[in-house]
Amino acid sequence: MVRFDSGRICLDLVATGAQESEQLCGVAELGRWLLGAGLVPGGTRLAGLDADWLARFVELRYCIAQLVNAELGTSVEGASTALDRVNVLAAAPPPGVRAIRGADGGLVRTLSRAPECGALLAVVARDAVDLLTDPEARARLRQCEGDNCRLLYLDTSRGRRRRWCSSEVCGNRERVARHRRRVAAL
């Protein structure tokens, strides 16, 4: 199941490879992720979506993960090469958007032309650049403290004391485990 708990689209992409199983294991999954992440509006045809797109998004995911881990101090190996690659991808123009009237008469967002892989990669790469060059946002980067969870997220809590990528998932697991330990100790 693809999750969008991180608070940033670039971290949501990293999350697709940080869970127990690969979340982008095929072109269809990438299409669902692009839609769920809001990179393409609902109903957008992804006619060009193919294995090349998948490989390019997985490569970007790897590069962003290297950069974020370097910022968190967990690994710096390959960060320079990753930075170069993210910068190249971020330099491409993002997809053009426009507003049109929907079936109900309200304005809805659509793309000005069929989405191209490079343009969608640019959106994610620019988000990574924005995150990593903003000292306040960078200071809010966290790794989930849940057992066996490697997800990264942006701590936007008031006291900056958020411990889990998702209170409903990892937080709930931790609370259940704590309860079971207390009951077993009785």
N, C-alpha and C. Protein backbone atom coordinates (compact mmCIF):
# COMPACT_ATOMS: atom_id res chain seq x y z
N MET A 1 0.84 -1.17 0.00
CA MET A 1 0.00 0.00 0.00
C MET A 1 0.89 1.25 0.00
N VAL A 2 0.67 2.13 -0.95
CA VAL A 2 1.44 3.36 -1.05
C VAL A 2 0.92 4.34 -0.01
N ARG A 3 1.86 4.98 0.69
CA ARG A 3 1.50 5.94 1.74
C ARG A 3 2.07 7.31 1.39
N PHE A 4 1.36 8.33 1.86
CA PHE A 4 1.79 9.71 1.65
C PHE A 4 1.78 10.42 3.01
N ASP A 5 2.64 9.96 3.91
CA ASP A 5 2.69 10.46 5.29
C ASP A 5 3.84 11.43 5.55
N SER A 6 4.71 11.64 4.59
CA SER A 6 5.96 12.33 4.87
C SER A 6 5.85 13.85 4.94
N GLY A 7 4.89 14.43 4.27
CA GLY A 7 4.78 15.88 4.25
C GLY A 7 5.46 16.53 3.07
N ARG A 8 6.17 15.77 2.25
CA ARG A 8 6.83 16.30 1.05
C ARG A 8 6.76 15.23 -0.04
N ILE A 9 6.56 15.68 -1.27
CA ILE A 9 6.45 14.74 -2.38
C ILE A 9 7.76 13.98 -2.60
N CYS A 10 8.90 14.65 -2.41
CA CYS A 10 10.19 13.95 -2.61
C CYS A 10 10.37 12.85 -1.56
N LEU A 11 9.93 13.10 -0.34
CA LEU A 11 10.04 12.07 0.71
C LEU A 11 9.02 10.96 0.49
N ASP A 12 7.87 11.30 -0.09
CA ASP A 12 6.89 10.26 -0.44
C ASP A 12 7.47 9.33 -1.50
N LEU A 13 8.25 9.88 -2.44
CA LEU A 13 8.90 9.01 -3.43
C LEU A 13 9.92 8.10 -2.74
N VAL A 14 10.71 8.65 -1.83
CA VAL A 14 11.69 7.84 -1.10
C VAL A 14 10.98 6.73 -0.33
N ALA A 15 9.81 7.02 0.20
CA ALA A 15 9.06 6.03 0.97
C ALA A 15 8.66 4.81 0.15
N THR A 16 8.54 4.97 -1.16
CA THR A 16 8.15 3.82 -1.99
C THR A 16 9.21 2.73 -2.00
N GLY A 17 10.43 3.06 -1.62
CA GLY A 17 11.50 2.06 -1.56
C GLY A 17 11.96 1.76 -0.16
N ALA A 18 11.34 2.38 0.83
CA ALA A 18 11.80 2.23 2.21
C ALA A 18 10.91 1.30 3.03
N GLN A 19 9.92 0.72 2.40
CA GLN A 19 9.02 -0.15 3.14
C GLN A 19 9.48 -1.60 2.97
N GLU A 20 8.76 -2.51 3.58
CA GLU A 20 9.16 -3.92 3.58
C GLU A 20 9.24 -4.48 2.17
N SER A 21 8.36 -4.03 1.29
CA SER A 21 8.39 -4.50 -0.09
C SER A 21 8.42 -3.30 -1.02
N GLU A 22 8.95 -3.50 -2.19
CA GLU A 22 9.04 -2.45 -3.21
C GLU A 22 7.63 -1.99 -3.59
N GLN A 23 7.42 -0.68 -3.53
CA GLN A 23 6.11 -0.12 -3.84
C GLN A 23 5.96 0.24 -5.32
N LEU A 24 7.06 0.46 -6.00
CA LEU A 24 7.03 0.77 -7.44
C LEU A 24 7.56 -0.42 -8.22
N CYS A 25 6.87 -1.54 -8.10
CA CYS A 25 7.35 -2.77 -8.73
C CYS A 25 6.89 -2.90 -10.18
N GLY A 26 6.17 -1.93 -10.68
CA GLY A 26 5.73 -1.99 -12.07
C GLY A 26 5.21 -0.64 -12.54
N VAL A 27 4.96 -0.56 -13.82
CA VAL A 27 4.49 0.68 -14.43
C VAL A 27 3.13 1.10 -13.87
N ALA A 28 2.25 0.14 -13.64
CA ALA A 28 0.92 0.47 -13.09
C ALA A 28 1.04 1.11 -11.71
N GLU A 29 1.94 0.59 -10.88
CA GLU A 29 2.14 1.15 -9.55
C GLU A 29 2.69 2.57 -9.63
N LEU A 30 3.60 2.81 -10.57
CA LEU A 30 4.12 4.17 -10.75
C LEU A 30 2.99 5.10 -11.17
N GLY A 31 2.13 4.66 -12.05
CA GLY A 31 0.98 5.47 -12.46
C GLY A 31 0.09 5.83 -11.29
N ARG A 32 -0.17 4.85 -10.43
CA ARG A 32 -0.99 5.11 -9.23
C ARG A 32 -0.28 6.07 -8.29
N TRP A 33 1.05 5.93 -8.16
CA TRP A 33 1.79 6.84 -7.29
C TRP A 33 1.74 8.26 -7.84
N LEU A 34 1.94 8.44 -9.14
CA LEU A 34 1.88 9.77 -9.76
C LEU A 34 0.54 10.43 -9.50
N LEU A 35 -0.52 9.68 -9.59
CA LEU A 35 -1.86 10.19 -9.32
C LEU A 35 -2.03 10.50 -7.83
N GLY A 36 -1.66 9.56 -6.97
CA GLY A 36 -1.81 9.75 -5.52
C GLY A 36 -0.97 10.89 -4.99
N ALA A 37 0.19 11.11 -5.58
CA ALA A 37 1.08 12.19 -5.15
C ALA A 37 0.61 13.55 -5.66
N GLY A 38 -0.36 13.54 -6.56
CA GLY A 38 -0.87 14.79 -7.11
C GLY A 38 -0.02 15.35 -8.24
N LEU A 39 0.89 14.56 -8.76
CA LEU A 39 1.70 15.03 -9.88
C LEU A 39 0.89 15.14 -11.16
N VAL A 40 -0.11 14.30 -11.27
CA VAL A 40 -1.04 14.39 -12.40
C VAL A 40 -2.46 14.41 -11.86
N PRO A 41 -3.32 15.24 -12.43
CA PRO A 41 -4.71 15.27 -11.98
C PRO A 41 -5.44 13.98 -12.34
N GLY A 42 -6.46 13.65 -11.58
CA GLY A 42 -7.28 12.48 -11.87
C GLY A 42 -7.79 12.53 -13.30
N GLY A 43 -7.83 11.38 -13.95
CA GLY A 43 -8.32 11.30 -15.31
C GLY A 43 -7.26 11.58 -16.37
N THR A 44 -6.05 11.95 -15.96
CA THR A 44 -4.98 12.23 -16.92
C THR A 44 -4.50 10.92 -17.54
N ARG A 45 -4.45 10.87 -18.86
CA ARG A 45 -3.92 9.70 -19.55
C ARG A 45 -2.40 9.74 -19.49
N LEU A 46 -1.82 8.65 -19.10
CA LEU A 46 -0.36 8.53 -19.04
C LEU A 46 0.10 7.62 -20.17
N ALA A 47 -0.14 8.07 -21.40
CA ALA A 47 0.13 7.26 -22.58
C ALA A 47 1.60 6.89 -22.71
N GLY A 48 2.50 7.75 -22.31
CA GLY A 48 3.93 7.49 -22.45
C GLY A 48 4.54 6.68 -21.33
N LEU A 49 3.77 6.40 -20.30
CA LEU A 49 4.27 5.68 -19.12
C LEU A 49 4.79 4.30 -19.52
N ASP A 50 6.07 4.05 -19.25
CA ASP A 50 6.66 2.76 -19.60
C ASP A 50 7.77 2.41 -18.61
N ALA A 51 8.49 1.35 -18.90
CA ALA A 51 9.56 0.87 -18.00
C ALA A 51 10.68 1.91 -17.86
N ASP A 52 10.90 2.72 -18.88
CA ASP A 52 11.92 3.77 -18.78
C ASP A 52 11.52 4.79 -17.71
N TRP A 53 10.25 5.17 -17.68
CA TRP A 53 9.76 6.10 -16.65
C TRP A 53 10.03 5.50 -15.27
N LEU A 54 9.68 4.24 -15.13
CA LEU A 54 9.85 3.56 -13.84
C LEU A 54 11.32 3.59 -13.42
N ALA A 55 12.22 3.26 -14.33
CA ALA A 55 13.66 3.26 -14.01
C ALA A 55 14.13 4.65 -13.62
N ARG A 56 13.64 5.66 -14.30
CA ARG A 56 14.07 7.04 -14.01
C ARG A 56 13.54 7.52 -12.66
N PHE A 57 12.31 7.15 -12.30
CA PHE A 57 11.78 7.53 -10.99
C PHE A 57 12.50 6.77 -9.88
N VAL A 58 12.82 5.51 -10.10
CA VAL A 58 13.56 4.74 -9.09
C VAL A 58 14.96 5.33 -8.91
N GLU A 59 15.59 5.76 -10.00
CA GLU A 59 16.90 6.40 -9.89
C GLU A 59 16.80 7.70 -9.09
N LEU A 60 15.79 8.52 -9.36
CA LEU A 60 15.62 9.76 -8.61
C LEU A 60 15.36 9.45 -7.14
N ARG A 61 14.57 8.45 -6.87
CA ARG A 61 14.29 8.05 -5.48
C ARG A 61 15.59 7.71 -4.76
N TYR A 62 16.45 6.96 -5.41
CA TYR A 62 17.73 6.58 -4.82
C TYR A 62 18.58 7.82 -4.54
N CYS A 63 18.64 8.73 -5.48
CA CYS A 63 19.44 9.95 -5.31
C CYS A 63 18.92 10.81 -4.16
N ILE A 64 17.61 10.98 -4.09
CA ILE A 64 17.03 11.78 -3.00
C ILE A 64 17.30 11.11 -1.66
N ALA A 65 17.16 9.80 -1.60
CA ALA A 65 17.42 9.08 -0.34
C ALA A 65 18.87 9.28 0.09
N GLN A 66 19.81 9.24 -0.85
CA GLN A 66 21.21 9.47 -0.50
C GLN A 66 21.42 10.87 0.06
N LEU A 67 20.81 11.86 -0.57
CA LEU A 67 20.96 13.24 -0.10
C LEU A 67 20.35 13.45 1.27
N VAL A 68 19.16 12.92 1.48
CA VAL A 68 18.49 13.09 2.78
C VAL A 68 19.27 12.36 3.87
N ASN A 69 19.74 11.16 3.58
CA ASN A 69 20.54 10.43 4.57
C ASN A 69 21.83 11.16 4.88
N ALA A 70 22.43 11.81 3.90
CA ALA A 70 23.63 12.61 4.16
C ALA A 70 23.30 13.78 5.08
N GLU A 71 22.15 14.40 4.87
CA GLU A 71 21.74 15.52 5.73
C GLU A 71 21.45 15.05 7.15
N LEU A 72 20.94 13.84 7.30
CA LEU A 72 20.65 13.29 8.62
C LEU A 72 21.90 12.70 9.27
N GLY A 73 22.99 12.63 8.50
CA GLY A 73 24.25 12.11 9.04
C GLY A 73 24.34 10.61 9.08
N THR A 74 23.43 9.91 8.42
CA THR A 74 23.46 8.45 8.45
C THR A 74 24.33 7.85 7.35
N SER A 75 24.55 8.60 6.27
CA SER A 75 25.41 8.12 5.19
C SER A 75 25.73 9.27 4.25
N VAL A 76 26.97 9.36 3.84
CA VAL A 76 27.34 10.42 2.89
C VAL A 76 27.90 9.83 1.60
N GLU A 77 28.00 8.52 1.54
CA GLU A 77 28.54 7.86 0.35
C GLU A 77 27.65 8.12 -0.86
N GLY A 78 28.24 8.63 -1.92
CA GLY A 78 27.51 8.86 -3.16
C GLY A 78 26.66 10.12 -3.19
N ALA A 79 26.71 10.92 -2.13
CA ALA A 79 25.85 12.10 -2.05
C ALA A 79 26.22 13.14 -3.10
N SER A 80 27.48 13.27 -3.43
CA SER A 80 27.90 14.26 -4.42
C SER A 80 27.34 13.93 -5.80
N THR A 81 27.44 12.67 -6.19
CA THR A 81 26.90 12.24 -7.47
C THR A 81 25.38 12.37 -7.47
N ALA A 82 24.75 12.04 -6.37
CA ALA A 82 23.30 12.16 -6.25
C ALA A 82 22.86 13.61 -6.38
N LEU A 83 23.61 14.51 -5.77
CA LEU A 83 23.28 15.93 -5.86
C LEU A 83 23.37 16.42 -7.30
N ASP A 84 24.40 16.00 -8.00
CA ASP A 84 24.54 16.39 -9.41
C ASP A 84 23.33 15.91 -10.22
N ARG A 85 22.92 14.69 -9.99
CA ARG A 85 21.80 14.12 -10.75
C ARG A 85 20.48 14.83 -10.42
N VAL A 86 20.24 15.09 -9.15
CA VAL A 86 19.01 15.80 -8.75
C VAL A 86 19.00 17.20 -9.36
N ASN A 87 20.13 17.88 -9.36
CA ASN A 87 20.20 19.22 -9.95
C ASN A 87 19.90 19.20 -11.44
N VAL A 88 20.41 18.21 -12.15
CA VAL A 88 20.13 18.09 -13.59
C VAL A 88 18.63 17.90 -13.81
N LEU A 89 18.02 17.02 -13.04
CA LEU A 89 16.59 16.75 -13.20
C LEU A 89 15.74 17.97 -12.81
N ALA A 90 16.15 18.69 -11.78
CA ALA A 90 15.40 19.86 -11.31
C ALA A 90 15.44 21.01 -12.32
N ALA A 91 16.43 21.01 -13.19
CA ALA A 91 16.57 22.10 -14.17
C ALA A 91 15.56 22.02 -15.31
N ALA A 92 14.94 20.87 -15.50
CA ALA A 92 13.97 20.71 -16.59
C ALA A 92 12.68 21.47 -16.23
N PRO A 93 11.95 21.91 -17.24
CA PRO A 93 10.69 22.62 -16.95
C PRO A 93 9.63 21.66 -16.43
N PRO A 94 8.86 22.08 -15.41
CA PRO A 94 7.77 21.24 -14.91
C PRO A 94 6.61 21.26 -15.91
N PRO A 95 5.65 20.37 -15.74
CA PRO A 95 4.52 20.35 -16.67
C PRO A 95 3.68 21.63 -16.53
N GLY A 96 3.17 22.08 -17.66
CA GLY A 96 2.27 23.23 -17.63
C GLY A 96 0.91 22.82 -17.11
N VAL A 97 0.31 23.67 -16.33
CA VAL A 97 -1.04 23.40 -15.80
C VAL A 97 -1.99 24.50 -16.26
N ARG A 98 -3.25 24.16 -16.27
CA ARG A 98 -4.28 25.15 -16.59
C ARG A 98 -5.56 24.75 -15.88
N ALA A 99 -6.45 25.70 -15.76
CA ALA A 99 -7.75 25.46 -15.13
C ALA A 99 -8.80 25.37 -16.23
N ILE A 100 -9.69 24.39 -16.09
CA ILE A 100 -10.81 24.25 -17.01
C ILE A 100 -12.07 24.02 -16.18
N ARG A 101 -13.20 24.19 -16.80
CA ARG A 101 -14.48 23.92 -16.13
C ARG A 101 -14.72 22.42 -16.10
N GLY A 102 -15.01 21.92 -14.92
CA GLY A 102 -15.33 20.51 -14.77
C GLY A 102 -16.80 20.26 -15.08
N ALA A 103 -17.21 19.01 -14.96
CA ALA A 103 -18.59 18.63 -15.26
C ALA A 103 -19.59 19.38 -14.40
N ASP A 104 -19.20 19.72 -13.17
CA ASP A 104 -20.11 20.43 -12.26
C ASP A 104 -20.04 21.95 -12.42
N GLY A 105 -19.22 22.43 -13.35
CA GLY A 105 -19.09 23.86 -13.57
C GLY A 105 -17.97 24.52 -12.78
N GLY A 106 -17.41 23.81 -11.81
CA GLY A 106 -16.31 24.35 -11.02
C GLY A 106 -14.98 24.21 -11.77
N LEU A 107 -14.01 24.99 -11.35
CA LEU A 107 -12.69 24.91 -11.98
C LEU A 107 -11.91 23.70 -11.46
N VAL A 108 -11.27 23.01 -12.38
CA VAL A 108 -10.43 21.87 -12.03
C VAL A 108 -9.08 22.04 -12.73
N ARG A 109 -8.07 21.46 -12.13
CA ARG A 109 -6.72 21.55 -12.69
C ARG A 109 -6.51 20.43 -13.70
N THR A 110 -5.85 20.78 -14.80
CA THR A 110 -5.46 19.80 -15.80
C THR A 110 -4.08 20.20 -16.32
N LEU A 111 -3.44 19.30 -17.00
CA LEU A 111 -2.15 19.61 -17.59
C LEU A 111 -2.37 20.19 -18.98
N SER A 112 -1.49 21.09 -19.39
CA SER A 112 -1.66 21.75 -20.67
C SER A 112 -1.37 20.82 -21.85
N ARG A 113 -0.64 19.75 -21.61
CA ARG A 113 -0.42 18.72 -22.63
C ARG A 113 -0.11 17.40 -21.91
N ALA A 114 0.00 16.34 -22.67
CA ALA A 114 0.28 15.02 -22.08
C ALA A 114 1.56 15.10 -21.25
N PRO A 115 1.55 14.53 -20.06
CA PRO A 115 2.72 14.63 -19.19
C PRO A 115 3.92 13.89 -19.77
N GLU A 116 5.09 14.50 -19.61
CA GLU A 116 6.34 13.88 -20.01
C GLU A 116 7.10 13.48 -18.76
N CYS A 117 7.84 12.42 -18.86
CA CYS A 117 8.58 11.91 -17.70
C CYS A 117 9.52 12.96 -17.12
N GLY A 118 10.30 13.62 -17.97
CA GLY A 118 11.27 14.61 -17.48
C GLY A 118 10.62 15.75 -16.72
N ALA A 119 9.43 16.17 -17.17
CA ALA A 119 8.72 17.25 -16.50
C ALA A 119 8.24 16.82 -15.12
N LEU A 120 7.75 15.59 -15.02
CA LEU A 120 7.28 15.09 -13.72
C LEU A 120 8.45 14.85 -12.77
N LEU A 121 9.55 14.34 -13.31
CA LEU A 121 10.75 14.18 -12.49
C LEU A 121 11.23 15.53 -11.97
N ALA A 122 11.11 16.57 -12.80
CA ALA A 122 11.54 17.92 -12.40
C ALA A 122 10.77 18.40 -11.18
N VAL A 123 9.48 18.11 -11.12
CA VAL A 123 8.66 18.54 -9.97
C VAL A 123 9.20 17.91 -8.69
N VAL A 124 9.48 16.61 -8.73
CA VAL A 124 9.97 15.91 -7.54
C VAL A 124 11.38 16.37 -7.19
N ALA A 125 12.24 16.51 -8.19
CA ALA A 125 13.61 16.95 -7.94
C ALA A 125 13.63 18.36 -7.37
N ARG A 126 12.77 19.25 -7.89
CA ARG A 126 12.71 20.62 -7.35
C ARG A 126 12.22 20.61 -5.91
N ASP A 127 11.30 19.72 -5.59
CA ASP A 127 10.85 19.63 -4.21
C ASP A 127 12.01 19.20 -3.31
N ALA A 128 12.83 18.27 -3.79
CA ALA A 128 14.00 17.85 -3.01
C ALA A 128 14.97 19.01 -2.82
N VAL A 129 15.21 19.78 -3.89
CA VAL A 129 16.11 20.93 -3.79
C VAL A 129 15.54 21.94 -2.80
N ASP A 130 14.24 22.22 -2.90
CA ASP A 130 13.60 23.17 -1.97
C ASP A 130 13.74 22.70 -0.52
N LEU A 131 13.49 21.41 -0.29
CA LEU A 131 13.59 20.86 1.06
C LEU A 131 15.01 20.95 1.61
N LEU A 132 15.97 20.54 0.81
CA LEU A 132 17.34 20.44 1.29
C LEU A 132 18.07 21.79 1.36
N THR A 133 17.52 22.82 0.73
CA THR A 133 18.15 24.14 0.80
C THR A 133 17.43 25.08 1.75
N ASP A 134 16.37 24.62 2.35
CA ASP A 134 15.62 25.42 3.32
C ASP A 134 16.05 24.97 4.72
N PRO A 135 16.82 25.79 5.44
CA PRO A 135 17.33 25.36 6.75
C PRO A 135 16.24 24.97 7.73
N GLU A 136 15.11 25.68 7.72
CA GLU A 136 14.03 25.34 8.65
C GLU A 136 13.41 23.99 8.31
N ALA A 137 13.14 23.76 7.04
CA ALA A 137 12.56 22.47 6.63
C ALA A 137 13.56 21.34 6.87
N ARG A 138 14.80 21.58 6.53
CA ARG A 138 15.83 20.56 6.71
C ARG A 138 15.96 20.17 8.19
N ALA A 139 15.79 21.14 9.08
CA ALA A 139 15.88 20.86 10.52
C ALA A 139 14.71 20.01 11.00
N ARG A 140 13.65 19.94 10.22
CA ARG A 140 12.47 19.16 10.59
C ARG A 140 12.48 17.74 10.03
N LEU A 141 13.53 17.40 9.29
CA LEU A 141 13.64 16.04 8.74
C LEU A 141 13.81 15.03 9.87
N ARG A 142 13.07 13.96 9.80
CA ARG A 142 13.16 12.91 10.82
C ARG A 142 13.07 11.55 10.15
N GLN A 143 13.56 10.55 10.87
CA GLN A 143 13.35 9.17 10.48
C GLN A 143 12.43 8.55 11.52
N CYS A 144 11.47 7.78 11.07
CA CYS A 144 10.48 7.17 11.96
C CYS A 144 11.17 6.31 13.01
N GLU A 145 10.69 6.41 14.25
CA GLU A 145 11.23 5.61 15.35
C GLU A 145 10.50 4.29 15.51
N GLY A 146 9.56 3.99 14.62
CA GLY A 146 8.83 2.73 14.69
C GLY A 146 9.74 1.54 14.42
N ASP A 147 9.43 0.43 15.08
CA ASP A 147 10.21 -0.80 14.85
C ASP A 147 10.17 -1.16 13.38
N ASN A 148 11.33 -1.38 12.81
CA ASN A 148 11.48 -1.80 11.42
C ASN A 148 10.93 -0.81 10.40
N CYS A 149 10.78 0.44 10.76
CA CYS A 149 10.31 1.45 9.81
C CYS A 149 11.46 2.38 9.47
N ARG A 150 11.67 2.58 8.18
CA ARG A 150 12.76 3.43 7.72
C ARG A 150 12.24 4.69 7.03
N LEU A 151 10.95 4.96 7.17
CA LEU A 151 10.38 6.11 6.46
C LEU A 151 10.90 7.43 7.02
N LEU A 152 11.07 8.37 6.12
CA LEU A 152 11.50 9.73 6.46
C LEU A 152 10.29 10.63 6.38
N TYR A 153 10.26 11.66 7.21
CA TYR A 153 9.13 12.58 7.18
C TYR A 153 9.58 13.95 7.66
N LEU A 154 8.72 14.91 7.46
CA LEU A 154 8.96 16.28 7.92
C LEU A 154 8.13 16.48 9.18
N ASP A 155 8.77 16.77 10.29
CA ASP A 155 8.07 16.96 11.56
C ASP A 155 7.47 18.36 11.59
N THR A 156 6.16 18.42 11.42
CA THR A 156 5.46 19.70 11.44
C THR A 156 4.65 19.88 12.72
N SER A 157 4.91 19.02 13.70
CA SER A 157 4.19 19.14 14.97
C SER A 157 4.62 20.41 15.70
N ARG A 158 3.75 20.90 16.57
CA ARG A 158 4.02 22.14 17.30
C ARG A 158 5.31 22.10 18.09
N GLY A 159 5.49 21.09 18.87
CA GLY A 159 6.69 21.00 19.72
C GLY A 159 7.85 20.28 19.06
N ARG A 160 7.67 19.93 17.79
CA ARG A 160 8.69 19.17 17.05
C ARG A 160 9.09 17.90 17.79
N ARG A 161 8.08 17.22 18.31
CA ARG A 161 8.33 15.98 19.06
C ARG A 161 7.71 14.76 18.40
N ARG A 162 7.30 14.89 17.14
CA ARG A 162 6.71 13.76 16.43
C ARG A 162 7.75 12.65 16.33
N ARG A 163 7.33 11.42 16.59
CA ARG A 163 8.26 10.30 16.61
C ARG A 163 8.05 9.32 15.46
N TRP A 164 6.85 9.33 14.90
CA TRP A 164 6.52 8.32 13.90
C TRP A 164 6.09 8.96 12.59
N CYS A 165 6.31 8.22 11.50
CA CYS A 165 5.89 8.70 10.18
C CYS A 165 4.38 8.86 10.15
N SER A 166 3.68 7.99 10.86
CA SER A 166 2.22 8.04 10.91
C SER A 166 1.76 7.58 12.28
N SER A 167 0.98 8.40 12.94
CA SER A 167 0.44 8.02 14.24
C SER A 167 -0.50 6.82 14.10
N GLU A 168 -1.20 6.76 12.97
CA GLU A 168 -2.16 5.67 12.74
C GLU A 168 -1.48 4.34 12.45
N VAL A 169 -0.28 4.36 11.89
CA VAL A 169 0.40 3.12 11.54
C VAL A 169 1.47 2.79 12.57
N CYS A 170 2.61 3.45 12.50
CA CYS A 170 3.71 3.14 13.42
C CYS A 170 3.40 3.54 14.85
N GLY A 171 2.75 4.66 15.04
CA GLY A 171 2.37 5.09 16.39
C GLY A 171 1.43 4.10 17.04
N ASN A 172 0.47 3.62 16.27
CA ASN A 172 -0.47 2.65 16.80
C ASN A 172 0.23 1.34 17.14
N ARG A 173 1.13 0.89 16.28
CA ARG A 173 1.90 -0.34 16.56
C ARG A 173 2.67 -0.20 17.87
N GLU A 174 3.30 0.96 18.06
CA GLU A 174 4.09 1.19 19.28
C GLU A 174 3.19 1.20 20.52
N ARG A 175 2.04 1.85 20.43
CA ARG A 175 1.12 1.89 21.58
C ARG A 175 0.59 0.50 21.91
N VAL A 176 0.27 -0.30 20.89
CA VAL A 176 -0.20 -1.67 21.13
C VAL A 176 0.91 -2.50 21.77
N ALA A 177 2.14 -2.38 21.26
CA ALA A 177 3.27 -3.14 21.82
C ALA A 177 3.52 -2.74 23.27
N ARG A 178 3.44 -1.44 23.56
CA ARG A 178 3.63 -0.96 24.93
C ARG A 178 2.55 -1.53 25.85
N HIS A 179 1.31 -1.53 25.37
CA HIS A 179 0.19 -2.08 26.16
C HIS A 179 0.43 -3.57 26.43
N ARG A 180 0.85 -4.30 25.42
CA ARG A 180 1.09 -5.74 25.60
C ARG A 180 2.21 -5.99 26.60
N ARG A 181 3.24 -5.16 26.57
CA ARG A 181 4.34 -5.31 27.54
C ARG A 181 3.84 -5.07 28.96
N ARG A 182 2.99 -4.02 29.13
CA ARG A 182 2.45 -3.74 30.47
C ARG A 182 1.57 -4.89 30.96
N VAL A 183 0.73 -5.42 30.09
CA VAL A 183 -0.16 -6.52 30.47
C VAL A 183 0.67 -7.77 30.81
N ALA A 184 1.69 -8.03 30.04
CA ALA A 184 2.54 -9.20 30.29
C ALA A 184 3.32 -9.07 31.60
N ALA A 185 3.62 -7.84 32.00
CA ALA A 185 4.37 -7.61 33.22
C ALA A 185 3.50 -7.80 34.46
N LEU A 186 2.19 -7.78 34.31
CA LEU A 186 1.29 -7.93 35.47
C LEU A 186 1.20 -9.31 35.98
